[in-house]
Amino acid sequence: MTTQSPTDPLHGVTLKMILTELVEEFGWEELGKRIDIRCFTHTPSISSSLKFLRRTPWARDKVEEMYLRLKM
């Protein structure tokens, strides 16, 4: 596990916070269109999506990238 630098834009931001904000901003349907992940398109929930994202690095990277674009 790598530690985050205080200059890292994701420092102090949890995956749950990121996902919750993206769902509030875009909704599940739009999120599923932008990132084609089954947990976003078929019976989506925060808990099931978190489980998937925590064990799937490529998907987590896409979600984090989308969050960073939203914040810029």
PDB file of N, CA and C in Angstrom:
ATOM      1  N   MET A   1       0.837  -1.175   0.000  1.00  0.00           N
ATOM      2  CA  MET A   1       0.000   0.000   0.000  1.00  0.00           C
ATOM      3  C   MET A   1       0.882   1.238   0.000  1.00  0.00           C
ATOM      4  N   THR A   2       0.572   2.174  -0.875  1.00  0.00           N
ATOM      5  CA  THR A   2       1.365   3.387  -0.934  1.00  0.00           C
ATOM      6  C   THR A   2       0.716   4.466  -0.084  1.00  0.00           C
ATOM      7  N   THR A   3       1.548   5.337   0.456  1.00  0.00           N
ATOM      8  CA  THR A   3       1.006   6.442   1.231  1.00  0.00           C
ATOM      9  C   THR A   3       0.826   7.634   0.317  1.00  0.00           C
ATOM     10  N   GLN A   4      -0.155   8.455   0.629  1.00  0.00           N
ATOM     11  CA  GLN A   4      -0.438   9.613  -0.200  1.00  0.00           C
ATOM     12  C   GLN A   4       0.295  10.832   0.332  1.00  0.00           C
ATOM     13  N   SER A   5       0.771  11.630  -0.574  1.00  0.00           N
ATOM     14  CA  SER A   5       1.420  12.884  -0.233  1.00  0.00           C
ATOM     15  C   SER A   5       0.348  13.940   0.041  1.00  0.00           C
ATOM     16  N   PRO A   6       0.618  14.873   0.942  1.00  0.00           N
ATOM     17  CA  PRO A   6      -0.356  15.957   1.177  1.00  0.00           C
ATOM     18  C   PRO A   6      -0.638  16.787  -0.083  1.00  0.00           C
ATOM     19  N   THR A   7       0.265  16.756  -1.064  1.00  0.00           N
ATOM     20  CA  THR A   7       0.027  17.481  -2.314  1.00  0.00           C
ATOM     21  C   THR A   7      -0.793  16.668  -3.308  1.00  0.00           C
ATOM     22  N   ASP A   8      -1.034  15.409  -3.017  1.00  0.00           N
ATOM     23  CA  ASP A   8      -1.869  14.548  -3.857  1.00  0.00           C
ATOM     24  C   ASP A   8      -3.310  15.066  -3.780  1.00  0.00           C
ATOM     25  N   PRO A   9      -3.962  15.314  -4.935  1.00  0.00           N
ATOM     26  CA  PRO A   9      -5.335  15.839  -4.898  1.00  0.00           C
ATOM     27  C   PRO A   9      -6.344  14.884  -4.257  1.00  0.00           C
ATOM     28  N   LEU A  10      -5.987  13.615  -4.136  1.00  0.00           N
ATOM     29  CA  LEU A  10      -6.887  12.642  -3.505  1.00  0.00           C
ATOM     30  C   LEU A  10      -6.558  12.420  -2.027  1.00  0.00           C
ATOM     31  N   HIS A  11      -5.572  13.153  -1.510  1.00  0.00           N
ATOM     32  CA  HIS A  11      -5.178  13.002  -0.109  1.00  0.00           C
ATOM     33  C   HIS A  11      -6.363  13.318   0.802  1.00  0.00           C
ATOM     34  N   GLY A  12      -6.707  12.375   1.669  1.00  0.00           N
ATOM     35  CA  GLY A  12      -7.796  12.567   2.625  1.00  0.00           C
ATOM     36  C   GLY A  12      -9.178  12.307   2.074  1.00  0.00           C
ATOM     37  N   VAL A  13      -9.273  11.897   0.819  1.00  0.00           N
ATOM     38  CA  VAL A  13     -10.570  11.636   0.193  1.00  0.00           C
ATOM     39  C   VAL A  13     -10.742  10.126   0.082  1.00  0.00           C
ATOM     40  N   THR A  14     -11.808   9.605   0.667  1.00  0.00           N
ATOM     41  CA  THR A  14     -12.037   8.161   0.610  1.00  0.00           C
ATOM     42  C   THR A  14     -12.747   7.785  -0.687  1.00  0.00           C
ATOM     43  N   LEU A  15     -12.634   6.526  -1.039  1.00  0.00           N
ATOM     44  CA  LEU A  15     -13.321   6.014  -2.220  1.00  0.00           C
ATOM     45  C   LEU A  15     -14.832   6.187  -2.077  1.00  0.00           C
ATOM     46  N   LYS A  16     -15.339   6.006  -0.881  1.00  0.00           N
ATOM     47  CA  LYS A  16     -16.778   6.182  -0.639  1.00  0.00           C
ATOM     48  C   LYS A  16     -17.189   7.631  -0.890  1.00  0.00           C
ATOM     49  N   MET A  17     -16.375   8.574  -0.453  1.00  0.00           N
ATOM     50  CA  MET A  17     -16.663   9.991  -0.692  1.00  0.00           C
ATOM     51  C   MET A  17     -16.669  10.291  -2.189  1.00  0.00           C
ATOM     52  N   ILE A  18     -15.682   9.747  -2.903  1.00  0.00           N
ATOM     53  CA  ILE A  18     -15.583   9.965  -4.349  1.00  0.00           C
ATOM     54  C   ILE A  18     -16.819   9.418  -5.046  1.00  0.00           C
ATOM     55  N   LEU A  19     -17.163   8.180  -4.756  1.00  0.00           N
ATOM     56  CA  LEU A  19     -18.293   7.529  -5.409  1.00  0.00           C
ATOM     57  C   LEU A  19     -19.604   8.241  -5.091  1.00  0.00           C
ATOM     58  N   THR A  20     -19.793   8.609  -3.843  1.00  0.00           N
ATOM     59  CA  THR A  20     -21.018   9.300  -3.440  1.00  0.00           C
ATOM     60  C   THR A  20     -21.160  10.619  -4.191  1.00  0.00           C
ATOM     61  N   GLU A  21     -20.088  11.370  -4.291  1.00  0.00           N
ATOM     62  CA  GLU A  21     -20.137  12.650  -4.993  1.00  0.00           C
ATOM     63  C   GLU A  21     -20.414  12.465  -6.484  1.00  0.00           C
ATOM     64  N   LEU A  22     -19.806  11.457  -7.097  1.00  0.00           N
ATOM     65  CA  LEU A  22     -20.051  11.201  -8.517  1.00  0.00           C
ATOM     66  C   LEU A  22     -21.502  10.790  -8.766  1.00  0.00           C
ATOM     67  N   VAL A  23     -22.050   9.979  -7.889  1.00  0.00           N
ATOM     68  CA  VAL A  23     -23.449   9.554  -8.040  1.00  0.00           C
ATOM     69  C   VAL A  23     -24.374  10.752  -7.868  1.00  0.00           C
ATOM     70  N   GLU A  24     -24.079  11.626  -6.909  1.00  0.00           N
ATOM     71  CA  GLU A  24     -24.905  12.821  -6.717  1.00  0.00           C
ATOM     72  C   GLU A  24     -24.828  13.744  -7.923  1.00  0.00           C
ATOM     73  N   GLU A  25     -23.654  13.869  -8.506  1.00  0.00           N
ATOM     74  CA  GLU A  25     -23.436  14.773  -9.639  1.00  0.00           C
ATOM     75  C   GLU A  25     -24.026  14.228 -10.942  1.00  0.00           C
ATOM     76  N   PHE A  26     -23.800  12.937 -11.229  1.00  0.00           N
ATOM     77  CA  PHE A  26     -24.164  12.373 -12.521  1.00  0.00           C
ATOM     78  C   PHE A  26     -25.328  11.386 -12.473  1.00  0.00           C
ATOM     79  N   GLY A  27     -25.523  10.716 -11.352  1.00  0.00           N
ATOM     80  CA  GLY A  27     -26.518   9.647 -11.277  1.00  0.00           C
ATOM     81  C   GLY A  27     -25.921   8.348 -11.784  1.00  0.00           C
ATOM     82  N   TRP A  28     -26.526   7.233 -11.398  1.00  0.00           N
ATOM     83  CA  TRP A  28     -26.000   5.921 -11.784  1.00  0.00           C
ATOM     84  C   TRP A  28     -26.016   5.697 -13.285  1.00  0.00           C
ATOM     85  N   GLU A  29     -27.099   6.139 -13.939  1.00  0.00           N
ATOM     86  CA  GLU A  29     -27.223   5.883 -15.377  1.00  0.00           C
ATOM     87  C   GLU A  29     -26.088   6.564 -16.157  1.00  0.00           C
ATOM     88  N   GLU A  30     -25.850   7.827 -15.888  1.00  0.00           N
ATOM     89  CA  GLU A  30     -24.786   8.554 -16.581  1.00  0.00           C
ATOM     90  C   GLU A  30     -23.411   8.019 -16.194  1.00  0.00           C
ATOM     91  N   LEU A  31     -23.248   7.660 -14.940  1.00  0.00           N
ATOM     92  CA  LEU A  31     -21.979   7.082 -14.492  1.00  0.00           C
ATOM     93  C   LEU A  31     -21.694   5.783 -15.250  1.00  0.00           C
ATOM     94  N   GLY A  32     -22.723   4.961 -15.435  1.00  0.00           N
ATOM     95  CA  GLY A  32     -22.580   3.718 -16.185  1.00  0.00           C
ATOM     96  C   GLY A  32     -22.273   3.938 -17.657  1.00  0.00           C
ATOM     97  N   LYS A  33     -22.766   5.038 -18.219  1.00  0.00           N
ATOM     98  CA  LYS A  33     -22.453   5.365 -19.616  1.00  0.00           C
ATOM     99  C   LYS A  33     -21.002   5.824 -19.755  1.00  0.00           C
ATOM    100  N   ARG A  34     -20.536   6.593 -18.796  1.00  0.00           N
ATOM    101  CA  ARG A  34     -19.181   7.140 -18.861  1.00  0.00           C
ATOM    102  C   ARG A  34     -18.115   6.109 -18.511  1.00  0.00           C
ATOM    103  N   ILE A  35     -18.435   5.231 -17.560  1.00  0.00           N
ATOM    104  CA  ILE A  35     -17.518   4.158 -17.170  1.00  0.00           C
ATOM    105  C   ILE A  35     -18.320   2.869 -17.220  1.00  0.00           C
ATOM    106  N   ASP A  36     -18.080   2.063 -18.229  1.00  0.00           N
ATOM    107  CA  ASP A  36     -18.879   0.856 -18.451  1.00  0.00           C
ATOM    108  C   ASP A  36     -18.459  -0.253 -17.488  1.00  0.00           C
ATOM    109  N   ILE A  37     -19.048  -0.186 -16.306  1.00  0.00           N
ATOM    110  CA  ILE A  37     -18.798  -1.177 -15.267  1.00  0.00           C
ATOM    111  C   ILE A  37     -20.160  -1.723 -14.837  1.00  0.00           C
ATOM    112  N   ARG A  38     -20.282  -3.019 -14.809  1.00  0.00           N
ATOM    113  CA  ARG A  38     -21.564  -3.660 -14.506  1.00  0.00           C
ATOM    114  C   ARG A  38     -22.171  -3.188 -13.181  1.00  0.00           C
ATOM    115  N   CYS A  39     -21.336  -2.943 -12.180  1.00  0.00           N
ATOM    116  CA  CYS A  39     -21.877  -2.525 -10.878  1.00  0.00           C
ATOM    117  C   CYS A  39     -22.506  -1.135 -10.955  1.00  0.00           C
ATOM    118  N   PHE A  40     -22.268  -0.380 -12.047  1.00  0.00           N
ATOM    119  CA  PHE A  40     -22.915   0.914 -12.241  1.00  0.00           C
ATOM    120  C   PHE A  40     -24.175   0.796 -13.088  1.00  0.00           C
ATOM    121  N   THR A  41     -24.312  -0.289 -13.844  1.00  0.00           N
ATOM    122  CA  THR A  41     -25.412  -0.400 -14.798  1.00  0.00           C
ATOM    123  C   THR A  41     -26.489  -1.416 -14.412  1.00  0.00           C
ATOM    124  N   HIS A  42     -26.176  -2.359 -13.556  1.00  0.00           N
ATOM    125  CA  HIS A  42     -27.143  -3.397 -13.169  1.00  0.00           C
ATOM    126  C   HIS A  42     -27.325  -3.387 -11.653  1.00  0.00           C
ATOM    127  N   THR A  43     -28.463  -2.906 -11.211  1.00  0.00           N
ATOM    128  CA  THR A  43     -28.801  -2.809  -9.793  1.00  0.00           C
ATOM    129  C   THR A  43     -27.669  -2.148  -8.993  1.00  0.00           C
ATOM    130  N   PRO A  44     -27.339  -0.908  -9.328  1.00  0.00           N
ATOM    131  CA  PRO A  44     -26.209  -0.253  -8.664  1.00  0.00           C
ATOM    132  C   PRO A  44     -26.486   0.116  -7.206  1.00  0.00           C
ATOM    133  N   SER A  45     -25.456   0.056  -6.416  1.00  0.00           N
ATOM    134  CA  SER A  45     -25.512   0.534  -5.031  1.00  0.00           C
ATOM    135  C   SER A  45     -24.103   0.953  -4.635  1.00  0.00           C
ATOM    136  N   ILE A  46     -24.031   1.803  -3.640  1.00  0.00           N
ATOM    137  CA  ILE A  46     -22.732   2.260  -3.155  1.00  0.00           C
ATOM    138  C   ILE A  46     -21.926   1.072  -2.638  1.00  0.00           C
ATOM    139  N   SER A  47     -22.552   0.219  -1.823  1.00  0.00           N
ATOM    140  CA  SER A  47     -21.800  -0.876  -1.198  1.00  0.00           C
ATOM    141  C   SER A  47     -21.272  -1.879  -2.220  1.00  0.00           C
ATOM    142  N   SER A  48     -22.081  -2.275  -3.195  1.00  0.00           N
ATOM    143  CA  SER A  48     -21.597  -3.245  -4.182  1.00  0.00           C
ATOM    144  C   SER A  48     -20.521  -2.621  -5.069  1.00  0.00           C
ATOM    145  N   SER A  49     -20.685  -1.352  -5.399  1.00  0.00           N
ATOM    146  CA  SER A  49     -19.686  -0.674  -6.218  1.00  0.00           C
ATOM    147  C   SER A  49     -18.365  -0.528  -5.467  1.00  0.00           C
ATOM    148  N   LEU A  50     -18.432  -0.196  -4.183  1.00  0.00           N
ATOM    149  CA  LEU A  50     -17.212  -0.079  -3.386  1.00  0.00           C
ATOM    150  C   LEU A  50     -16.462  -1.403  -3.328  1.00  0.00           C
ATOM    151  N   LYS A  51     -17.181  -2.497  -3.139  1.00  0.00           N
ATOM    152  CA  LYS A  51     -16.542  -3.816  -3.094  1.00  0.00           C
ATOM    153  C   LYS A  51     -15.801  -4.097  -4.400  1.00  0.00           C
ATOM    154  N   PHE A  52     -16.471  -3.819  -5.514  1.00  0.00           N
ATOM    155  CA  PHE A  52     -15.853  -4.060  -6.814  1.00  0.00           C
ATOM    156  C   PHE A  52     -14.645  -3.152  -7.030  1.00  0.00           C
ATOM    157  N   LEU A  53     -14.797  -1.869  -6.757  1.00  0.00           N
ATOM    158  CA  LEU A  53     -13.721  -0.904  -7.006  1.00  0.00           C
ATOM    159  C   LEU A  53     -12.506  -1.165  -6.123  1.00  0.00           C
ATOM    160  N   ARG A  54     -12.723  -1.639  -4.917  1.00  0.00           N
ATOM    161  CA  ARG A  54     -11.600  -1.900  -4.006  1.00  0.00           C
ATOM    162  C   ARG A  54     -10.746  -3.077  -4.473  1.00  0.00           C
ATOM    163  N   ARG A  55     -11.331  -3.989  -5.220  1.00  0.00           N
ATOM    164  CA  ARG A  55     -10.545  -5.144  -5.665  1.00  0.00           C
ATOM    165  C   ARG A  55     -10.229  -5.119  -7.164  1.00  0.00           C
ATOM    166  N   THR A  56     -10.564  -4.005  -7.828  1.00  0.00           N
ATOM    167  CA  THR A  56     -10.327  -3.897  -9.264  1.00  0.00           C
ATOM    168  C   THR A  56      -9.606  -2.575  -9.550  1.00  0.00           C
ATOM    169  N   PRO A  57      -8.280  -2.604  -9.545  1.00  0.00           N
ATOM    170  CA  PRO A  57      -7.507  -1.359  -9.684  1.00  0.00           C
ATOM    171  C   PRO A  57      -7.803  -0.540 -10.947  1.00  0.00           C
ATOM    172  N   TRP A  58      -8.007  -1.184 -12.092  1.00  0.00           N
ATOM    173  CA  TRP A  58      -8.257  -0.417 -13.316  1.00  0.00           C
ATOM    174  C   TRP A  58      -9.565   0.362 -13.223  1.00  0.00           C
ATOM    175  N   ALA A  59     -10.576  -0.231 -12.599  1.00  0.00           N
ATOM    176  CA  ALA A  59     -11.869   0.441 -12.464  1.00  0.00           C
ATOM    177  C   ALA A  59     -11.762   1.594 -11.461  1.00  0.00           C
ATOM    178  N   ARG A  60     -11.050   1.352 -10.372  1.00  0.00           N
ATOM    179  CA  ARG A  60     -10.855   2.414  -9.381  1.00  0.00           C
ATOM    180  C   ARG A  60     -10.116   3.596 -10.008  1.00  0.00           C
ATOM    181  N   ASP A  61      -9.112   3.313 -10.828  1.00  0.00           N
ATOM    182  CA  ASP A  61      -8.371   4.379 -11.505  1.00  0.00           C
ATOM    183  C   ASP A  61      -9.301   5.229 -12.371  1.00  0.00           C
ATOM    184  N   LYS A  62     -10.206   4.598 -13.090  1.00  0.00           N
ATOM    185  CA  LYS A  62     -11.143   5.335 -13.943  1.00  0.00           C
ATOM    186  C   LYS A  62     -12.067   6.226 -13.116  1.00  0.00           C
ATOM    187  N   VAL A  63     -12.537   5.700 -11.987  1.00  0.00           N
ATOM    188  CA  VAL A  63     -13.416   6.478 -11.114  1.00  0.00           C
ATOM    189  C   VAL A  63     -12.650   7.661 -10.512  1.00  0.00           C
ATOM    190  N   GLU A  64     -11.432   7.429 -10.071  1.00  0.00           N
ATOM    191  CA  GLU A  64     -10.627   8.510  -9.506  1.00  0.00           C
ATOM    192  C   GLU A  64     -10.314   9.574 -10.561  1.00  0.00           C
ATOM    193  N   GLU A  65     -10.023   9.154 -11.785  1.00  0.00           N
ATOM    194  CA  GLU A  65      -9.766  10.103 -12.875  1.00  0.00           C
ATOM    195  C   GLU A  65     -11.000  10.961 -13.155  1.00  0.00           C
ATOM    196  N   MET A  66     -12.165  10.335 -13.165  1.00  0.00           N
ATOM    197  CA  MET A  66     -13.407  11.070 -13.399  1.00  0.00           C
ATOM    198  C   MET A  66     -13.643  12.084 -12.283  1.00  0.00           C
ATOM    199  N   TYR A  67     -13.379  11.688 -11.067  1.00  0.00           N
ATOM    200  CA  TYR A  67     -13.544  12.578  -9.910  1.00  0.00           C
ATOM    201  C   TYR A  67     -12.598  13.774 -10.020  1.00  0.00           C
ATOM    202  N   LEU A  68     -11.358  13.523 -10.385  1.00  0.00           N
ATOM    203  CA  LEU A  68     -10.382  14.604 -10.517  1.00  0.00           C
ATOM    204  C   LEU A  68     -10.786  15.571 -11.626  1.00  0.00           C
ATOM    205  N   ARG A  69     -11.305  15.058 -12.745  1.00  0.00           N
ATOM    206  CA  ARG A  69     -11.791  15.941 -13.816  1.00  0.00           C
ATOM    207  C   ARG A  69     -12.946  16.793 -13.338  1.00  0.00           C
ATOM    208  N   LEU A  70     -13.821  16.235 -12.519  1.00  0.00           N
ATOM    209  CA  LEU A  70     -14.959  16.974 -11.966  1.00  0.00           C
ATOM    210  C   LEU A  70     -14.475  18.111 -11.075  1.00  0.00           C
ATOM    211  N   LYS A  71     -13.419  17.877 -10.330  1.00  0.00           N
ATOM    212  CA  LYS A  71     -12.917  18.857  -9.377  1.00  0.00           C
ATOM    213  C   LYS A  71     -12.068  19.956 -10.003  1.00  0.00           C
ATOM    214  N   MET A  72     -11.619  19.749 -11.222  1.00  0.00           N
ATOM    215  CA  MET A  72     -10.763  20.766 -11.875  1.00  0.00           C
ATOM    216  C   MET A  72     -11.580  21.850 -12.522  1.00  0.00           C
TER     217      MET A  72
END
